[in-house]
Protein backbone atom coordinates (compact mmCIF):
# COMPACT_ATOMS: atom_id res chain seq x y z
CA MET A 1 164.31 90.32 84.19
CA PRO A 2 163.65 93.87 82.91
CA ILE A 3 161.52 95.98 85.22
CA GLU A 4 158.12 96.99 83.85
CA LEU A 5 157.31 100.66 84.42
CA PRO A 6 154.01 102.46 83.81
CA SER A 7 153.96 104.20 80.43
CA ALA A 8 152.64 107.37 82.08
CA PHE A 9 155.67 107.35 84.39
CA LEU A 10 158.11 106.98 81.46
CA ASP A 11 156.32 109.76 79.58
CA SER A 12 156.73 112.05 82.61
CA LEU A 13 160.52 111.69 82.41
CA HIS A 14 160.89 113.10 78.89
CA GLY A 15 161.30 116.65 80.14
CA ILE A 16 164.30 115.82 82.33
CA PRO A 17 167.55 116.93 80.62
CA ASP A 18 169.88 114.14 79.45
CA MET A 19 167.40 111.43 80.46
CA ASP A 20 168.31 108.19 78.66
CA LEU A 21 165.20 106.06 79.19
CA THR A 22 166.85 102.90 77.88
CA ALA A 23 169.83 103.16 80.22
CA PHE A 24 167.51 104.23 83.04
CA THR A 25 165.25 101.18 82.62
CA VAL A 26 168.23 98.83 82.40
CA ALA A 27 169.71 100.28 85.60
CA LEU A 28 166.43 99.78 87.46
CA SER A 29 166.48 96.11 86.41
CA GLU A 30 169.85 95.56 88.10
CA PRO A 31 170.38 94.84 91.82
CA ALA A 32 170.29 97.90 94.04
CA PRO A 33 173.64 98.94 95.51
CA VAL A 34 174.15 98.43 99.24
CA SER A 35 175.58 101.26 101.31
CA ILE A 36 176.21 102.11 104.95
CA ARG A 37 177.36 105.17 106.88
CA ILE A 38 179.79 104.78 109.77
CA ASN A 39 179.06 106.42 113.12
CA PRO A 40 182.22 108.54 113.63
CA ALA A 41 181.67 108.55 117.40
CA LYS A 42 182.01 104.75 117.53
CA LYS A 43 184.95 104.41 115.15
CA ILE A 44 184.82 101.03 113.42
CA ASN A 45 187.06 100.25 110.46
CA PRO A 46 184.76 99.23 107.59
CA PHE A 47 187.65 97.67 105.66
CA GLU A 48 188.21 95.27 108.54
CA HIS A 49 184.65 94.65 109.67
CA PHE A 50 183.24 94.25 106.14
CA LYS A 51 186.41 93.01 104.46
CA THR A 52 184.72 90.09 102.66
CA LEU A 53 182.22 92.56 101.18
CA GLU A 54 184.92 94.74 99.58
CA PRO A 55 183.83 98.14 100.93
CA SER A 56 184.45 101.21 98.79
CA LEU A 57 183.90 104.88 99.57
CA VAL A 58 180.72 106.72 98.62
CA PRO A 59 182.53 109.69 97.05
CA TRP A 60 180.24 112.53 98.19
CA THR A 61 180.38 111.71 101.89
CA GLN A 62 183.21 111.17 104.36
CA ASP A 63 181.73 108.18 106.24
CA GLY A 64 179.68 106.36 103.58
CA TYR A 65 180.70 103.02 102.04
CA TYR A 66 179.35 100.68 99.39
CA LEU A 67 179.32 96.92 100.02
CA ASN A 68 179.42 94.47 97.13
CA GLU A 69 176.40 92.56 98.46
CA ARG A 70 173.84 92.87 101.23
CA PRO A 71 174.77 90.96 104.39
CA SER A 72 172.33 90.11 107.17
CA PHE A 73 172.63 93.36 109.10
CA THR A 74 170.19 91.98 111.67
CA LEU A 75 172.76 89.33 112.60
CA ASP A 76 175.61 91.81 113.01
CA PRO A 77 175.93 92.93 116.66
CA LEU A 78 177.70 96.13 115.60
CA PHE A 79 174.57 97.19 113.71
CA HIS A 80 172.64 97.02 116.99
CA ALA A 81 175.50 98.81 118.77
CA GLY A 82 174.91 101.85 116.53
CA ALA A 83 178.34 101.59 114.94
CA TYR A 84 176.86 102.24 111.49
CA TYR A 85 173.59 103.08 109.75
CA VAL A 86 172.28 101.37 106.62
CA GLN A 87 171.42 104.20 104.25
CA GLU A 88 170.86 104.74 100.55
CA ALA A 89 173.96 106.34 99.04
CA GLY A 90 172.22 109.06 97.04
CA SER A 91 170.59 110.54 100.13
CA MET A 92 174.06 110.99 101.66
CA PHE A 93 174.50 113.88 99.18
CA LEU A 94 172.89 115.87 102.00
CA GLU A 95 176.43 116.23 103.34
CA GLN A 96 177.50 118.43 100.44
CA ALA A 97 174.57 120.78 101.02
CA VAL A 98 175.23 121.01 104.76
CA LYS A 99 178.94 121.70 104.19
CA LYS A 100 178.01 124.46 101.74
CA VAL A 101 175.81 126.06 104.41
CA MET A 102 178.52 125.73 107.05
CA GLN A 103 180.85 127.82 104.88
CA ASP A 104 178.43 130.70 105.39
CA MET A 105 177.16 130.33 108.95
CA GLU A 106 177.51 128.38 112.17
CA LEU A 107 174.64 125.97 112.60
CA LYS A 108 173.37 126.09 116.17
CA CYS A 109 169.69 125.12 115.85
CA VAL A 110 168.58 122.75 113.08
CA LEU A 111 165.25 121.08 112.28
CA ASP A 112 164.82 117.81 110.39
CA LEU A 113 161.08 118.03 109.83
CA CYS A 114 160.22 114.61 108.37
CA ALA A 115 162.93 112.66 110.12
CA ALA A 116 161.95 108.98 110.52
CA PRO A 117 163.65 106.57 110.40
CA GLY A 118 166.61 108.87 111.17
CA GLY A 119 169.14 108.59 108.35
CA LYS A 120 169.42 112.29 107.58
CA SER A 121 169.17 113.30 111.25
CA THR A 122 172.03 111.07 112.38
CA HIS A 123 174.05 112.08 109.31
CA LEU A 124 173.50 115.72 110.20
CA GLN A 125 174.57 115.06 113.79
CA SER A 126 177.88 113.65 112.56
CA LEU A 127 178.59 116.87 110.65
CA LEU A 128 177.67 119.48 113.24
CA SER A 129 179.55 120.60 116.33
CA SER A 130 178.67 118.94 119.62
CA ASP A 131 177.07 122.16 120.92
CA ALA A 132 174.52 122.32 118.08
CA LEU A 133 170.89 121.39 118.74
CA ILE A 134 168.96 119.12 116.37
CA ILE A 135 165.19 118.80 116.54
CA SER A 136 164.30 115.56 114.79
CA ASN A 137 160.57 115.57 114.10
CA GLU A 138 158.17 112.89 112.92
CA VAL A 139 154.44 113.53 112.85
CA ILE A 140 153.41 109.90 112.13
CA LYS A 141 153.16 108.15 115.48
CA GLN A 142 153.99 104.69 114.14
CA ARG A 143 157.32 106.00 112.84
CA GLN A 144 158.37 107.90 115.95
CA ASN A 145 159.52 104.76 117.80
CA ILE A 146 162.03 103.69 115.14
CA LEU A 147 163.33 107.28 115.04
CA MET A 148 163.89 107.27 118.80
CA GLU A 149 165.48 103.81 118.64
CA ASN A 150 167.99 104.92 116.02
CA TRP A 151 168.86 108.03 118.03
CA VAL A 152 169.48 105.93 121.16
CA LYS A 153 171.76 103.57 119.23
CA TRP A 154 173.59 106.52 117.68
CA GLY A 155 174.43 107.74 121.20
CA ALA A 156 174.02 111.48 120.55
CA LYS A 157 173.24 113.95 123.34
CA ASN A 158 172.22 116.94 121.22
CA ALA A 159 168.95 115.75 119.66
CA ILE A 160 165.32 116.22 120.65
CA VAL A 161 162.70 113.98 119.03
CA THR A 162 159.36 115.69 118.57
CA GLY A 163 156.03 114.50 117.19
CA SER A 164 154.57 117.81 116.04
CA ASP A 165 152.66 118.90 112.96
CA PRO A 166 154.69 121.15 110.61
CA ARG A 167 152.30 124.02 111.41
CA ASP A 168 153.23 123.77 115.10
CA PHE A 169 156.73 125.03 114.36
CA GLN A 170 155.27 128.47 113.66
CA ARG A 171 155.20 128.71 117.46
CA LEU A 172 158.99 129.09 117.16
CA PRO A 173 159.15 131.97 114.67
CA ALA A 174 162.48 132.69 112.93
CA TRP A 175 164.12 130.09 115.16
CA PHE A 176 166.15 127.69 112.99
CA ASP A 177 169.40 128.27 111.11
CA LEU A 178 168.64 125.29 108.84
CA ILE A 179 165.49 123.33 108.12
CA ILE A 180 165.60 120.01 106.26
CA VAL A 181 162.39 118.87 104.60
CA ASP A 182 162.79 115.39 103.15
CA ALA A 183 159.21 115.51 102.00
CA PRO A 184 156.71 112.66 101.72
CA CYS A 185 156.56 111.92 98.00
CA SER A 186 155.34 109.51 95.32
CA GLY A 187 158.39 107.30 95.97
CA SER A 188 159.37 106.59 92.38
CA GLY A 189 163.03 106.89 93.32
CA MET A 190 162.63 103.69 95.35
CA PHE A 191 161.15 101.54 92.53
CA ARG A 192 164.22 99.29 92.43
CA LYS A 193 164.30 98.73 96.20
CA ASP A 194 160.51 98.61 96.61
CA PRO A 195 158.80 97.15 93.51
CA ASP A 196 155.41 97.46 95.25
CA ALA A 197 155.76 101.23 94.92
CA ILE A 198 155.34 100.84 91.14
CA SER A 199 151.73 99.67 91.51
CA HIS A 200 150.93 102.67 93.71
CA TRP A 201 152.34 105.25 91.28
CA SER A 202 149.99 107.39 89.22
CA PRO A 203 149.99 110.96 87.88
CA ALA A 204 147.14 111.77 90.29
CA HIS A 205 149.22 110.52 93.24
CA VAL A 206 152.17 112.66 92.10
CA GLU A 207 149.98 115.77 92.01
CA HIS A 208 148.51 114.91 95.40
CA CYS A 209 152.04 114.65 96.81
CA ALA A 210 153.06 117.96 95.24
CA LEU A 211 150.14 119.76 96.88
CA ARG A 212 151.01 118.15 100.21
CA GLN A 213 154.65 119.22 99.83
CA GLU A 214 153.59 122.82 99.17
CA ARG A 215 151.46 122.78 102.30
CA ILE A 216 154.24 121.33 104.46
CA LEU A 217 156.73 123.94 103.24
CA GLU A 218 154.29 126.80 103.71
CA ASP A 219 153.58 125.62 107.25
CA VAL A 220 157.20 125.31 108.38
CA LEU A 221 158.94 128.23 106.66
CA PRO A 222 157.97 130.82 109.31
CA ALA A 223 160.28 128.91 111.68
CA LEU A 224 163.31 129.67 109.47
CA LYS A 225 165.54 132.59 110.42
CA PRO A 226 166.15 135.42 107.96
CA GLY A 227 169.35 134.40 106.21
CA GLY A 228 168.75 130.78 107.21
CA TYR A 229 168.79 127.80 104.84
CA LEU A 230 166.29 125.25 103.61
CA ILE A 231 167.27 121.85 102.22
CA TYR A 232 164.37 120.28 100.34
CA SER A 233 164.61 116.71 99.06
CA THR A 234 162.52 113.81 97.77
CA CYS A 235 163.00 110.25 96.57
CA SER A 236 160.95 111.02 93.45
CA TYR A 237 161.86 111.50 89.80
CA SER A 238 158.84 113.72 89.07
CA GLU A 239 159.56 117.32 88.08
CA SER A 240 156.37 118.51 89.78
CA GLU A 241 157.74 117.29 93.12
CA ASN A 242 161.27 118.52 92.48
CA GLU A 243 162.24 121.37 90.13
CA ALA A 244 158.67 122.68 90.05
CA MET A 245 158.69 122.81 93.86
CA LEU A 246 161.93 124.77 93.67
CA ASP A 247 160.21 127.26 91.35
CA HIS A 248 157.27 127.45 93.74
CA LEU A 249 159.57 128.36 96.63
CA MET A 250 161.41 131.01 94.63
CA LYS A 251 158.21 132.56 93.24
CA ASN A 252 156.11 132.66 96.38
CA PHE A 253 158.70 133.14 99.09
CA SER A 254 161.73 135.34 99.37
CA MET A 255 164.28 132.60 98.71
CA GLU A 256 167.51 132.36 96.76
CA SER A 257 168.69 129.14 95.12
CA ILE A 258 172.21 128.14 96.18
CA ARG A 259 174.54 126.20 93.93
CA ILE A 260 176.35 123.18 95.42
CA PRO A 261 179.81 122.27 94.10
CA LEU A 262 179.92 118.96 92.22
CA ASP A 263 182.63 116.61 91.07
CA SER A 264 181.77 115.34 87.59
CA VAL A 265 182.95 111.82 88.40
CA TRP A 266 180.15 111.43 90.96
CA GLY A 267 177.49 111.22 88.26
CA ILE A 268 175.10 113.47 90.20
CA GLN A 269 173.25 115.71 87.75
CA GLU A 270 172.75 119.43 88.21
CA THR A 271 169.40 120.59 86.82
CA ARG A 272 167.73 124.00 86.52
CA SER A 273 164.10 124.78 87.29
CA LYS A 274 162.10 125.93 84.26
CA ASP A 275 160.83 129.32 85.46
CA LYS A 276 163.41 130.63 87.91
CA GLY A 277 166.52 128.71 86.93
CA GLY A 278 167.04 127.37 90.46
CA TYR A 279 169.64 124.66 91.01
CA GLY A 280 168.52 121.11 91.68
CA TYR A 281 170.56 117.93 92.09
CA ARG A 282 169.46 114.51 90.91
CA CYS A 283 170.89 111.10 91.67
CA SER A 284 169.64 108.65 89.04
CA PRO A 285 170.67 104.96 88.94
CA HIS A 286 171.90 105.07 85.33
CA ARG A 287 174.23 107.98 86.13
CA CYS A 288 175.47 107.33 89.67
CA LYS A 289 175.62 104.45 92.13
CA GLY A 290 172.45 105.03 94.10
CA GLU A 291 168.68 105.23 93.95
CA GLY A 292 166.52 108.12 92.77
CA PHE A 293 167.06 111.20 94.90
CA PHE A 294 166.56 114.95 94.43
CA LEU A 295 167.90 117.77 96.60
CA THR A 296 167.93 121.53 96.42
CA LEU A 297 169.35 124.21 98.73
CA LEU A 298 167.80 127.64 99.26
CA LYS A 299 168.59 130.65 101.43
CA SER A 300 165.93 132.90 102.95
CA LYS A 301 166.22 136.62 102.29
CA GLU A 302 163.80 137.76 104.98
CA ALA A 303 161.50 136.49 107.71
CA PHE A 304 158.40 134.56 106.65
CA GLU A 305 155.04 135.48 108.07
CA SER A 306 152.49 132.87 109.09
CA LYS A 307 149.18 132.95 107.24
CA ASP A 308 147.46 131.35 110.21
CA GLU A 309 146.89 132.39 113.78
CA VAL A 310 149.33 130.25 115.76
CA SER A 311 150.10 131.25 119.32
CA TYR A 312 153.68 131.39 120.51
CA ASN A 313 153.99 130.15 124.07
CA LYS A 314 156.72 132.22 125.60
CA ALA A 315 158.69 130.27 128.19
CA ARG A 316 157.71 131.35 131.67
CA GLY A 317 160.95 130.79 133.53
CA LYS A 318 163.02 127.63 133.32
CA SER A 319 161.80 124.17 134.17
CA ASP A 320 163.24 122.81 137.38
CA LEU A 321 165.81 120.39 135.98
CA SER A 322 168.07 120.35 139.01
CA ILE A 323 169.20 116.98 140.34
CA PRO A 324 168.14 115.98 143.86
CA MET A 325 171.05 115.33 146.22
CA ARG A 326 170.15 111.66 146.69
CA VAL A 327 170.41 111.20 142.93
CA LYS A 328 173.78 112.99 142.74
CA ASN A 329 175.25 110.51 145.17
CA ALA A 330 173.95 107.56 143.13
CA TRP A 331 175.11 108.21 139.57
CA GLU A 332 178.77 109.01 140.11
CA ASP A 333 179.90 105.40 139.62
CA TRP A 334 177.77 105.04 136.49
CA LEU A 335 178.78 107.85 134.19
CA HIS A 336 181.04 110.77 133.53
CA ILE A 337 179.89 114.07 132.04
CA ASP A 338 182.03 115.47 129.24
CA GLU A 339 182.78 119.16 128.79
CA GLY A 340 179.84 120.88 127.14
CA GLU A 341 177.33 118.40 128.58
CA THR A 342 174.89 118.65 131.47
CA LEU A 343 173.10 116.04 133.56
CA MET A 344 169.52 117.06 134.21
CA ASP A 345 166.48 115.64 135.98
CA TRP A 346 163.49 115.50 133.61
CA LYS A 347 160.33 114.28 135.33
CA GLY A 348 162.28 111.76 137.37
CA GLN A 349 164.52 110.63 134.51
CA LEU A 350 168.18 111.62 134.32
CA LEU A 351 169.12 113.05 130.92
CA ILE A 352 172.45 113.99 129.40
CA MET A 353 172.11 117.00 127.11
CA ASN A 354 174.37 119.67 125.71
CA HIS A 355 174.27 123.26 126.95
CA THR A 356 172.29 124.49 123.93
CA MET A 357 169.51 122.02 124.66
CA GLU A 358 169.59 123.01 128.32
CA LYS A 359 169.14 126.64 127.27
CA TYR A 360 166.12 126.04 125.04
CA ILE A 361 164.43 122.92 126.42
CA THR A 362 161.74 124.84 128.33
CA GLU A 363 160.80 126.95 125.30
CA ILE A 364 160.65 123.86 123.09
CA GLN A 365 158.59 121.94 125.63
CA GLN A 366 156.00 124.69 125.83
CA ASN A 367 155.55 124.83 122.05
CA LEU A 368 156.13 121.31 120.71
CA TYR A 369 155.31 117.72 121.63
CA ILE A 370 158.57 116.20 122.89
CA ARG A 371 159.01 112.42 122.69
CA SER A 372 162.61 112.28 123.92
CA ALA A 373 165.47 114.66 124.65
CA GLY A 374 169.21 114.01 124.85
CA ILE A 375 170.23 110.66 126.30
CA GLN A 376 168.00 109.06 128.91
CA VAL A 377 170.44 107.40 131.31
CA GLY A 378 168.30 106.20 134.22
CA SER A 379 166.17 106.99 137.23
CA MET A 380 166.16 106.48 140.98
CA GLY A 381 164.19 103.53 142.33
CA ASN A 382 163.60 102.36 145.87
CA LYS A 383 166.73 100.20 145.69
CA GLY A 384 168.99 102.69 143.99
CA PHE A 385 169.86 103.79 140.47
CA ILE A 386 168.08 102.02 137.58
CA PRO A 387 169.97 102.45 134.29
CA GLU A 388 168.40 102.88 130.86
CA HIS A 389 169.72 101.43 127.61
CA GLY A 390 170.65 104.93 126.45
CA LEU A 391 173.36 105.00 129.12
CA ALA A 392 175.04 101.94 127.58
CA MET A 393 174.92 103.52 124.10
CA SER A 394 176.06 106.99 125.18
CA GLY A 395 179.79 106.48 125.59
CA ASN A 396 179.54 108.21 128.98
CA MET A 397 180.20 105.17 131.13
CA PRO A 398 183.62 105.31 132.83
CA GLU A 399 186.35 102.92 131.73
CA SER A 400 186.45 101.56 135.27
CA PHE A 401 182.87 100.24 134.99
CA PRO A 402 182.76 96.40 134.85
CA ARG A 403 182.68 95.11 131.26
CA PHE A 404 182.45 91.72 129.60
CA GLU A 405 183.44 91.05 125.99
CA LEU A 406 181.15 88.64 124.10
CA GLU A 407 181.84 86.38 121.15
CA THR A 408 179.47 86.63 118.17
CA GLU A 409 176.99 83.90 119.10
CA ASP A 410 176.64 85.04 122.70
CA ALA A 411 176.23 88.63 121.49
CA LEU A 412 173.37 87.53 119.25
CA GLN A 413 171.80 85.53 122.08
CA LEU A 414 171.95 88.64 124.24
CA LEU A 415 170.22 90.63 121.47
CA ARG A 416 167.58 87.89 121.17
CA HIS A 417 166.91 88.15 124.91
CA GLN A 418 167.98 84.53 125.35
CA SER A 419 170.49 82.79 127.62
CA ILE A 420 174.19 83.19 126.88
CA SER A 421 176.77 80.45 127.41
CA ALA A 422 179.60 82.75 128.55
CA GLN A 423 180.57 82.36 132.20
CA ILE A 424 180.45 85.69 134.00
CA ASN A 425 182.10 85.36 137.39
CA GLU A 426 181.51 88.91 138.56
CA LEU A 427 178.24 89.88 140.24
CA GLY A 428 176.33 93.13 139.82
CA TRP A 429 175.81 95.45 136.87
CA ILE A 430 178.03 94.74 133.85
CA LEU A 431 178.33 96.44 130.46
CA MET A 432 178.32 93.77 127.73
CA THR A 433 180.46 94.61 124.72
CA TYR A 434 181.22 93.20 121.28
CA ARG A 435 184.52 94.10 119.63
CA GLY A 436 184.82 96.83 122.23
CA HIS A 437 181.42 98.39 121.50
CA ALA A 438 178.63 98.49 124.06
CA LEU A 439 175.61 96.26 123.44
CA SER A 440 173.62 96.26 126.66
CA LEU A 441 173.71 96.37 130.42
CA VAL A 442 173.02 93.17 132.35
CA LYS A 443 172.76 92.40 136.03
CA SER A 444 174.72 89.31 137.01
CA LEU A 445 173.17 87.48 139.94
CA ALA A 446 174.19 84.29 141.72
CA ASN A 447 171.94 82.05 139.63
CA ARG A 448 171.00 84.07 136.53
CA ILE A 449 171.72 87.07 134.34
CA ASN A 450 169.05 89.74 133.93
CA ASN A 451 169.24 91.21 130.43
CA TYR A 452 168.34 94.91 130.14
CA TYR A 453 168.46 95.12 126.34
CA PRO A 454 165.08 96.63 125.31
CA ARG A 455 162.76 93.69 124.73
CA GLU A 456 160.88 95.47 121.94
CA TRP A 457 164.15 95.73 119.96
CA ARG A 458 165.16 92.07 120.32
CA ILE A 459 166.19 90.02 117.28
CA LEU A 460 163.33 87.71 116.34
CA ASN A 461 164.88 85.68 113.52
CA LYS A 462 167.41 82.91 114.05
């Protein structure tokens, strides 16, 4: 059945070059493509795991794949193991922008400002070196938990999740090499995946979003280094949220638009902003296999000054992150620390972080609201070491640690927090795996198995 779109929305598209409204409307009436992005740290073969779904490569990213239909990801244990992320293909074009930046500079400190649920943050982590630091921020409290969950499943040690307002980042002036602002928008690019968004669309809502986007950008830009880069993106088709925002940045801030190389077969459209001729990139469903997505890349020419009085809290010495001796003697059988990583004590919790995070964690703590940092691996209780789920997901557990491989149904029962039928003869802590990938830690006792998979993440459907 053809999708019905507001006439005001269709009228707003007339100014977009090469917009074929008939083909566009037909494309929106067709099923949305399904795409995933593989976690390179966990190394699954999509052609084997999804072989009945005929995976094919998303051409603008190295780890993205289309599937010919949508499976029940909830009932796939490897989804819960963090082996892949379900992500819209168009938004994976971020990779081309990041690679363009990396040709010019080494990215050591990066901010993803509007990060939940974590698609762009985890994608970014797969592209950067292991000694880079990513601050993954989400101001909306209800969305912070899913962001932290996806980071835990991804198993990365170089990310800090914060819950700070964009204005708070002015406390870290000229700090970031790259800032990503995937801005809250009118959401028209998601009409096919979320038909309810159609009823919420209006020209007034678009203008409200554009004003909000200007405010967010103005608030966060003082945190960008001179010579640093900004990636701005939306899932909107509206020019006022896209090319017009590019013009706004070039007019009012000292920023240069950067062109991103394209392959014509991708179907991604290069556009130019009306006033300044800045380069924008649109993914539209009648031109490429994806939803509506816009992205632009800019480079700062000089430092940005804050218009507001925001105090910078200079770090007064380093936090005491040293590990007590009784803890050192307890964790050695549980994990190994790779080169470039550090094990730290953070308010009684053991964290694995990279050296860059170790260097800056005190400064970040004194200026931003931290929700999580690195990988939380456990704490010391009265009866010894108590592991956290992040330890199981981290890849830092030694090969000698006891493991038990589960079949599919038992793996799902484990993820439902229900009894499993497999007979485990060994007692004590055991890492449960599925197809070689960690799912959860359990404690095998004489008469029961205690499941330490986070209860709030358990599968609820049958």
